[in-house]
Amino acid sequence: MAIMPGDAPANGAATGLPHAEGRDFATLDAYLAHLEKLGEIGITWYERMPDGRYQMIRRRQPGSAPEIFTRQELLDRFGFDE
């Protein structure tokens, strides 16, 4: 499933994000924290790994490889500047 980045206003915040519940987020970290809370109800979220990359946390088929992203990939994916 392709996720399109939100519209980025001049202040660098992203809007129209998946599972944002109508909220805008000024930083990627704030948005990822929001998704982590929603992870309790089964929403996909991203866990920071010791090497600084992020693993997508969601249900997946047994034996399938985890999806790993760099911070820049998540910034680009969700439309954040920082």
PDB file of N, CA and C in Angstrom:
ATOM      1  N   MET A   1       0.861  -1.183   0.000  1.00  0.00           N
ATOM      2  CA  MET A   1       0.000   0.000   0.000  1.00  0.00           C
ATOM      3  C   MET A   1       0.895   1.230   0.000  1.00  0.00           C
ATOM      4  N   ALA A   2       0.690   2.121  -0.929  1.00  0.00           N
ATOM      5  CA  ALA A   2       1.459   3.358  -1.008  1.00  0.00           C
ATOM      6  C   ALA A   2       0.823   4.411  -0.110  1.00  0.00           C
ATOM      7  N   ILE A   3       1.653   5.066   0.673  1.00  0.00           N
ATOM      8  CA  ILE A   3       1.185   6.155   1.526  1.00  0.00           C
ATOM      9  C   ILE A   3       1.735   7.436   0.935  1.00  0.00           C
ATOM     10  N   MET A   4       0.868   8.344   0.615  1.00  0.00           N
ATOM     11  CA  MET A   4       1.288   9.615   0.038  1.00  0.00           C
ATOM     12  C   MET A   4       1.606  10.594   1.159  1.00  0.00           C
ATOM     13  N   PRO A   5       2.669  11.383   1.013  1.00  0.00           N
ATOM     14  CA  PRO A   5       2.980  12.365   2.050  1.00  0.00           C
ATOM     15  C   PRO A   5       1.891  13.407   2.182  1.00  0.00           C
ATOM     16  N   GLY A   6       1.773  13.949   3.382  1.00  0.00           N
ATOM     17  CA  GLY A   6       0.794  15.009   3.608  1.00  0.00           C
ATOM     18  C   GLY A   6       1.234  16.305   2.956  1.00  0.00           C
ATOM     19  N   ASP A   7       0.324  17.220   2.834  1.00  0.00           N
ATOM     20  CA  ASP A   7       0.675  18.542   2.328  1.00  0.00           C
ATOM     21  C   ASP A   7       1.515  19.233   3.398  1.00  0.00           C
ATOM     22  N   ALA A   8       2.651  19.754   3.026  1.00  0.00           N
ATOM     23  CA  ALA A   8       3.550  20.384   3.993  1.00  0.00           C
ATOM     24  C   ALA A   8       3.396  21.897   3.935  1.00  0.00           C
ATOM     25  N   PRO A   9       2.802  22.503   4.970  1.00  0.00           N
ATOM     26  CA  PRO A   9       2.724  23.952   5.020  1.00  0.00           C
ATOM     27  C   PRO A   9       4.111  24.566   5.177  1.00  0.00           C
ATOM     28  N   ALA A  10       4.205  25.856   5.100  1.00  0.00           N
ATOM     29  CA  ALA A  10       5.481  26.565   5.161  1.00  0.00           C
ATOM     30  C   ALA A  10       6.257  26.272   6.442  1.00  0.00           C
ATOM     31  N   ASN A  11       5.580  25.955   7.534  1.00  0.00           N
ATOM     32  CA  ASN A  11       6.275  25.718   8.799  1.00  0.00           C
ATOM     33  C   ASN A  11       6.882  24.318   8.888  1.00  0.00           C
ATOM     34  N   GLY A  12       6.772  23.508   7.845  1.00  0.00           N
ATOM     35  CA  GLY A  12       7.356  22.179   7.829  1.00  0.00           C
ATOM     36  C   GLY A  12       6.466  21.102   8.411  1.00  0.00           C
ATOM     37  N   ALA A  13       5.329  21.458   8.978  1.00  0.00           N
ATOM     38  CA  ALA A  13       4.407  20.471   9.526  1.00  0.00           C
ATOM     39  C   ALA A  13       3.755  19.697   8.384  1.00  0.00           C
ATOM     40  N   ALA A  14       3.313  18.498   8.688  1.00  0.00           N
ATOM     41  CA  ALA A  14       2.622  17.695   7.691  1.00  0.00           C
ATOM     42  C   ALA A  14       1.161  17.569   8.091  1.00  0.00           C
ATOM     43  N   THR A  15       0.293  17.603   7.103  1.00  0.00           N
ATOM     44  CA  THR A  15      -1.139  17.487   7.344  1.00  0.00           C
ATOM     45  C   THR A  15      -1.693  16.332   6.509  1.00  0.00           C
ATOM     46  N   GLY A  16      -2.891  15.897   6.839  1.00  0.00           N
ATOM     47  CA  GLY A  16      -3.546  14.856   6.067  1.00  0.00           C
ATOM     48  C   GLY A  16      -2.857  13.508   6.168  1.00  0.00           C
ATOM     49  N   LEU A  17      -2.225  13.230   7.288  1.00  0.00           N
ATOM     50  CA  LEU A  17      -1.491  11.986   7.468  1.00  0.00           C
ATOM     51  C   LEU A  17      -2.416  10.828   7.816  1.00  0.00           C
ATOM     52  N   PRO A  18      -2.048   9.602   7.434  1.00  0.00           N
ATOM     53  CA  PRO A  18      -2.851   8.437   7.801  1.00  0.00           C
ATOM     54  C   PRO A  18      -2.969   8.300   9.316  1.00  0.00           C
ATOM     55  N   HIS A  19      -4.158   8.040   9.794  1.00  0.00           N
ATOM     56  CA  HIS A  19      -4.447   7.822  11.218  1.00  0.00           C
ATOM     57  C   HIS A  19      -4.122   9.027  12.097  1.00  0.00           C
ATOM     58  N   ALA A  20      -4.115  10.222  11.512  1.00  0.00           N
ATOM     59  CA  ALA A  20      -3.808  11.434  12.279  1.00  0.00           C
ATOM     60  C   ALA A  20      -5.009  11.934  13.072  1.00  0.00           C
ATOM     61  N   GLU A  21      -6.184  11.408  12.800  1.00  0.00           N
ATOM     62  CA  GLU A  21      -7.404  11.789  13.512  1.00  0.00           C
ATOM     63  C   GLU A  21      -7.646  13.293  13.460  1.00  0.00           C
ATOM     64  N   GLY A  22      -7.380  13.883  12.284  1.00  0.00           N
ATOM     65  CA  GLY A  22      -7.629  15.306  12.085  1.00  0.00           C
ATOM     66  C   GLY A  22      -6.563  16.227  12.627  1.00  0.00           C
ATOM     67  N   ARG A  23      -5.514  15.682  13.197  1.00  0.00           N
ATOM     68  CA  ARG A  23      -4.446  16.495  13.784  1.00  0.00           C
ATOM     69  C   ARG A  23      -3.338  16.740  12.768  1.00  0.00           C
ATOM     70  N   ASP A  24      -2.623  17.844  12.944  1.00  0.00           N
ATOM     71  CA  ASP A  24      -1.406  18.142  12.201  1.00  0.00           C
ATOM     72  C   ASP A  24      -0.238  17.908  13.155  1.00  0.00           C
ATOM     73  N   PHE A  25       0.900  17.525  12.619  1.00  0.00           N
ATOM     74  CA  PHE A  25       2.072  17.245  13.444  1.00  0.00           C
ATOM     75  C   PHE A  25       3.240  18.074  12.939  1.00  0.00           C
ATOM     76  N   ALA A  26       3.917  18.760  13.854  1.00  0.00           N
ATOM     77  CA  ALA A  26       5.033  19.634  13.490  1.00  0.00           C
ATOM     78  C   ALA A  26       6.296  18.851  13.176  1.00  0.00           C
ATOM     79  N   THR A  27       6.433  17.654  13.758  1.00  0.00           N
ATOM     80  CA  THR A  27       7.646  16.876  13.550  1.00  0.00           C
ATOM     81  C   THR A  27       7.315  15.410  13.289  1.00  0.00           C
ATOM     82  N   LEU A  28       8.250  14.746  12.652  1.00  0.00           N
ATOM     83  CA  LEU A  28       8.114  13.305  12.440  1.00  0.00           C
ATOM     84  C   LEU A  28       8.034  12.585  13.777  1.00  0.00           C
ATOM     85  N   ASP A  29       8.850  12.996  14.735  1.00  0.00           N
ATOM     86  CA  ASP A  29       8.852  12.331  16.040  1.00  0.00           C
ATOM     87  C   ASP A  29       7.487  12.409  16.723  1.00  0.00           C
ATOM     88  N   ALA A  30       6.824  13.553  16.634  1.00  0.00           N
ATOM     89  CA  ALA A  30       5.497  13.701  17.236  1.00  0.00           C
ATOM     90  C   ALA A  30       4.498  12.771  16.551  1.00  0.00           C
ATOM     91  N   TYR A  31       4.585  12.671  15.238  1.00  0.00           N
ATOM     92  CA  TYR A  31       3.677  11.787  14.501  1.00  0.00           C
ATOM     93  C   TYR A  31       3.955  10.314  14.833  1.00  0.00           C
ATOM     94  N   LEU A  32       5.222   9.936  14.893  1.00  0.00           N
ATOM     95  CA  LEU A  32       5.556   8.548  15.219  1.00  0.00           C
ATOM     96  C   LEU A  32       5.105   8.185  16.632  1.00  0.00           C
ATOM     97  N   ALA A  33       5.195   9.115  17.569  1.00  0.00           N
ATOM     98  CA  ALA A  33       4.710   8.868  18.935  1.00  0.00           C
ATOM     99  C   ALA A  33       3.193   8.656  18.923  1.00  0.00           C
ATOM    100  N   HIS A  34       2.490   9.428  18.115  1.00  0.00           N
ATOM    101  CA  HIS A  34       1.048   9.273  17.973  1.00  0.00           C
ATOM    102  C   HIS A  34       0.714   7.884  17.430  1.00  0.00           C
ATOM    103  N   LEU A  35       1.428   7.459  16.384  1.00  0.00           N
ATOM    104  CA  LEU A  35       1.182   6.133  15.807  1.00  0.00           C
ATOM    105  C   LEU A  35       1.482   5.031  16.810  1.00  0.00           C
ATOM    106  N   GLU A  36       2.532   5.215  17.611  1.00  0.00           N
ATOM    107  CA  GLU A  36       2.871   4.197  18.602  1.00  0.00           C
ATOM    108  C   GLU A  36       1.732   4.001  19.599  1.00  0.00           C
ATOM    109  N   LYS A  37       1.105   5.093  20.028  1.00  0.00           N
ATOM    110  CA  LYS A  37      -0.053   4.979  20.926  1.00  0.00           C
ATOM    111  C   LYS A  37      -1.179   4.214  20.255  1.00  0.00           C
ATOM    112  N   LEU A  38      -1.406   4.490  18.971  1.00  0.00           N
ATOM    113  CA  LEU A  38      -2.465   3.796  18.234  1.00  0.00           C
ATOM    114  C   LEU A  38      -2.118   2.335  17.985  1.00  0.00           C
ATOM    115  N   GLY A  39      -0.841   1.982  18.104  1.00  0.00           N
ATOM    116  CA  GLY A  39      -0.423   0.598  17.945  1.00  0.00           C
ATOM    117  C   GLY A  39      -1.119  -0.328  18.927  1.00  0.00           C
ATOM    118  N   GLU A  40      -1.547   0.217  20.056  1.00  0.00           N
ATOM    119  CA  GLU A  40      -2.273  -0.576  21.053  1.00  0.00           C
ATOM    120  C   GLU A  40      -3.585  -1.114  20.502  1.00  0.00           C
ATOM    121  N   ILE A  41      -4.118  -0.465  19.473  1.00  0.00           N
ATOM    122  CA  ILE A  41      -5.380  -0.929  18.880  1.00  0.00           C
ATOM    123  C   ILE A  41      -5.152  -1.523  17.489  1.00  0.00           C
ATOM    124  N   GLY A  42      -3.897  -1.844  17.179  1.00  0.00           N
ATOM    125  CA  GLY A  42      -3.599  -2.541  15.944  1.00  0.00           C
ATOM    126  C   GLY A  42      -3.198  -1.693  14.761  1.00  0.00           C
ATOM    127  N   ILE A  43      -2.998  -0.395  14.961  1.00  0.00           N
ATOM    128  CA  ILE A  43      -2.563   0.488  13.872  1.00  0.00           C
ATOM    129  C   ILE A  43      -1.054   0.305  13.674  1.00  0.00           C
ATOM    130  N   THR A  44      -0.621   0.296  12.429  1.00  0.00           N
ATOM    131  CA  THR A  44       0.794   0.179  12.104  1.00  0.00           C
ATOM    132  C   THR A  44       1.571   1.347  12.708  1.00  0.00           C
ATOM    133  N   TRP A  45       2.726   1.040  13.312  1.00  0.00           N
ATOM    134  CA  TRP A  45       3.594   2.079  13.863  1.00  0.00           C
ATOM    135  C   TRP A  45       5.036   1.714  13.571  1.00  0.00           C
ATOM    136  N   TYR A  46       5.967   2.587  13.931  1.00  0.00           N
ATOM    137  CA  TYR A  46       7.378   2.428  13.591  1.00  0.00           C
ATOM    138  C   TYR A  46       8.221   2.467  14.854  1.00  0.00           C
ATOM    139  N   GLU A  47       8.984   1.395  15.070  1.00  0.00           N
ATOM    140  CA  GLU A  47       9.842   1.300  16.250  1.00  0.00           C
ATOM    141  C   GLU A  47      11.272   1.653  15.853  1.00  0.00           C
ATOM    142  N   ARG A  48      11.880   2.565  16.615  1.00  0.00           N
ATOM    143  CA  ARG A  48      13.265   2.935  16.337  1.00  0.00           C
ATOM    144  C   ARG A  48      14.183   1.806  16.801  1.00  0.00           C
ATOM    145  N   MET A  49      15.076   1.420  15.926  1.00  0.00           N
ATOM    146  CA  MET A  49      16.026   0.352  16.211  1.00  0.00           C
ATOM    147  C   MET A  49      17.325   0.966  16.750  1.00  0.00           C
ATOM    148  N   PRO A  50      18.160   0.183  17.419  1.00  0.00           N
ATOM    149  CA  PRO A  50      19.412   0.722  17.982  1.00  0.00           C
ATOM    150  C   PRO A  50      20.314   1.391  16.944  1.00  0.00           C
ATOM    151  N   ASP A  51      20.238   0.971  15.686  1.00  0.00           N
ATOM    152  CA  ASP A  51      21.099   1.561  14.656  1.00  0.00           C
ATOM    153  C   ASP A  51      20.515   2.839  14.049  1.00  0.00           C
ATOM    154  N   GLY A  52      19.365   3.304  14.578  1.00  0.00           N
ATOM    155  CA  GLY A  52      18.760   4.547  14.107  1.00  0.00           C
ATOM    156  C   GLY A  52      17.732   4.373  13.005  1.00  0.00           C
ATOM    157  N   ARG A  53      17.631   3.175  12.446  1.00  0.00           N
ATOM    158  CA  ARG A  53      16.587   2.922  11.453  1.00  0.00           C
ATOM    159  C   ARG A  53      15.290   2.587  12.189  1.00  0.00           C
ATOM    160  N   TYR A  54      14.192   2.491  11.433  1.00  0.00           N
ATOM    161  CA  TYR A  54      12.876   2.244  11.999  1.00  0.00           C
ATOM    162  C   TYR A  54      12.270   0.987  11.391  1.00  0.00           C
ATOM    163  N   GLN A  55      11.710   0.141  12.247  1.00  0.00           N
ATOM    164  CA  GLN A  55      11.021  -1.054  11.778  1.00  0.00           C
ATOM    165  C   GLN A  55       9.522  -0.833  11.853  1.00  0.00           C
ATOM    166  N   MET A  56       8.840  -1.133  10.741  1.00  0.00           N
ATOM    167  CA  MET A  56       7.388  -1.041  10.724  1.00  0.00           C
ATOM    168  C   MET A  56       6.837  -2.185  11.574  1.00  0.00           C
ATOM    169  N   ILE A  57       5.991  -1.842  12.542  1.00  0.00           N
ATOM    170  CA  ILE A  57       5.385  -2.834  13.425  1.00  0.00           C
ATOM    171  C   ILE A  57       3.931  -3.012  13.002  1.00  0.00           C
ATOM    172  N   ARG A  58       3.643  -4.196  12.506  1.00  0.00           N
ATOM    173  CA  ARG A  58       2.280  -4.536  12.094  1.00  0.00           C
ATOM    174  C   ARG A  58       2.194  -6.046  11.956  1.00  0.00           C
ATOM    175  N   ARG A  59       0.989  -6.535  11.815  1.00  0.00           N
ATOM    176  CA  ARG A  59       0.815  -7.963  11.573  1.00  0.00           C
ATOM    177  C   ARG A  59       1.396  -8.298  10.214  1.00  0.00           C
ATOM    178  N   ARG A  60       2.111  -9.409  10.160  1.00  0.00           N
ATOM    179  CA  ARG A  60       2.654  -9.845   8.875  1.00  0.00           C
ATOM    180  C   ARG A  60       2.638 -11.366   8.807  1.00  0.00           C
ATOM    181  N   GLN A  61       2.744 -11.852   7.616  1.00  0.00           N
ATOM    182  CA  GLN A  61       2.731 -13.283   7.397  1.00  0.00           C
ATOM    183  C   GLN A  61       3.964 -13.931   8.043  1.00  0.00           C
ATOM    184  N   PRO A  62       3.799 -15.112   8.623  1.00  0.00           N
ATOM    185  CA  PRO A  62       4.959 -15.809   9.180  1.00  0.00           C
ATOM    186  C   PRO A  62       6.039 -15.988   8.112  1.00  0.00           C
ATOM    187  N   GLY A  63       7.280 -15.724   8.492  1.00  0.00           N
ATOM    188  CA  GLY A  63       8.391 -15.881   7.577  1.00  0.00           C
ATOM    189  C   GLY A  63       8.658 -14.695   6.672  1.00  0.00           C
ATOM    190  N   SER A  64       7.782 -13.690   6.690  1.00  0.00           N
ATOM    191  CA  SER A  64       8.022 -12.520   5.841  1.00  0.00           C
ATOM    192  C   SER A  64       9.021 -11.591   6.526  1.00  0.00           C
ATOM    193  N   ALA A  65       9.823 -10.928   5.718  1.00  0.00           N
ATOM    194  CA  ALA A  65      10.862 -10.038   6.240  1.00  0.00           C
ATOM    195  C   ALA A  65      10.246  -8.764   6.813  1.00  0.00           C
ATOM    196  N   PRO A  66      10.839  -8.220   7.882  1.00  0.00           N
ATOM    197  CA  PRO A  66      10.348  -6.945   8.420  1.00  0.00           C
ATOM    198  C   PRO A  66      10.647  -5.818   7.432  1.00  0.00           C
ATOM    199  N   GLU A  67       9.830  -4.774   7.492  1.00  0.00           N
ATOM    200  CA  GLU A  67      10.063  -3.599   6.654  1.00  0.00           C
ATOM    201  C   GLU A  67      10.831  -2.584   7.480  1.00  0.00           C
ATOM    202  N   ILE A  68      11.987  -2.177   6.963  1.00  0.00           N
ATOM    203  CA  ILE A  68      12.905  -1.282   7.668  1.00  0.00           C
ATOM    204  C   ILE A  68      13.047   0.002   6.852  1.00  0.00           C
ATOM    205  N   PHE A  69      13.051   1.151   7.540  1.00  0.00           N
ATOM    206  CA  PHE A  69      13.144   2.454   6.890  1.00  0.00           C
ATOM    207  C   PHE A  69      14.212   3.299   7.568  1.00  0.00           C
ATOM    208  N   THR A  70      14.879   4.140   6.798  1.00  0.00           N
ATOM    209  CA  THR A  70      15.752   5.147   7.389  1.00  0.00           C
ATOM    210  C   THR A  70      14.876   6.315   7.834  1.00  0.00           C
ATOM    211  N   ARG A  71      15.434   7.173   8.651  1.00  0.00           N
ATOM    212  CA  ARG A  71      14.697   8.372   9.068  1.00  0.00           C
ATOM    213  C   ARG A  71      14.341   9.219   7.853  1.00  0.00           C
ATOM    214  N   GLN A  72      15.268   9.369   6.907  1.00  0.00           N
ATOM    215  CA  GLN A  72      14.995  10.172   5.720  1.00  0.00           C
ATOM    216  C   GLN A  72      13.850   9.579   4.904  1.00  0.00           C
ATOM    217  N   GLU A  73      13.804   8.273   4.807  1.00  0.00           N
ATOM    218  CA  GLU A  73      12.698   7.635   4.080  1.00  0.00           C
ATOM    219  C   GLU A  73      11.355   7.948   4.728  1.00  0.00           C
ATOM    220  N   LEU A  74      11.303   7.955   6.066  1.00  0.00           N
ATOM    221  CA  LEU A  74      10.048   8.293   6.746  1.00  0.00           C
ATOM    222  C   LEU A  74       9.725   9.775   6.600  1.00  0.00           C
ATOM    223  N   LEU A  75      10.739  10.631   6.671  1.00  0.00           N
ATOM    224  CA  LEU A  75      10.505  12.069   6.450  1.00  0.00           C
ATOM    225  C   LEU A  75       9.889  12.279   5.072  1.00  0.00           C
ATOM    226  N   ASP A  76      10.451  11.640   4.063  1.00  0.00           N
ATOM    227  CA  ASP A  76       9.937  11.772   2.702  1.00  0.00           C
ATOM    228  C   ASP A  76       8.556  11.145   2.565  1.00  0.00           C
ATOM    229  N   ARG A  77       8.354   9.991   3.152  1.00  0.00           N
ATOM    230  CA  ARG A  77       7.095   9.264   3.032  1.00  0.00           C
ATOM    231  C   ARG A  77       5.925  10.065   3.601  1.00  0.00           C
ATOM    232  N   PHE A  78       6.155  10.744   4.732  1.00  0.00           N
ATOM    233  CA  PHE A  78       5.078  11.442   5.408  1.00  0.00           C
ATOM    234  C   PHE A  78       5.090  12.951   5.179  1.00  0.00           C
ATOM    235  N   GLY A  79       6.079  13.474   4.459  1.00  0.00           N
ATOM    236  CA  GLY A  79       6.075  14.880   4.070  1.00  0.00           C
ATOM    237  C   GLY A  79       6.608  15.864   5.088  1.00  0.00           C
ATOM    238  N   PHE A  80       7.505  15.417   5.958  1.00  0.00           N
ATOM    239  CA  PHE A  80       8.118  16.316   6.936  1.00  0.00           C
ATOM    240  C   PHE A  80       9.422  16.866   6.395  1.00  0.00           C
ATOM    241  N   ASP A  81       9.796  18.076   6.869  1.00  0.00           N
ATOM    242  CA  ASP A  81      11.048  18.722   6.442  1.00  0.00           C
ATOM    243  C   ASP A  81      12.250  18.307   7.288  1.00  0.00           C
ATOM    244  N   GLU A  82      12.038  18.160   8.613  1.00  0.00           N
ATOM    245  CA  GLU A  82      13.188  17.925   9.503  1.00  0.00           C
ATOM    246  C   GLU A  82      13.546  16.481   9.596  1.00  0.00           C
TER     247      GLU A  82
END
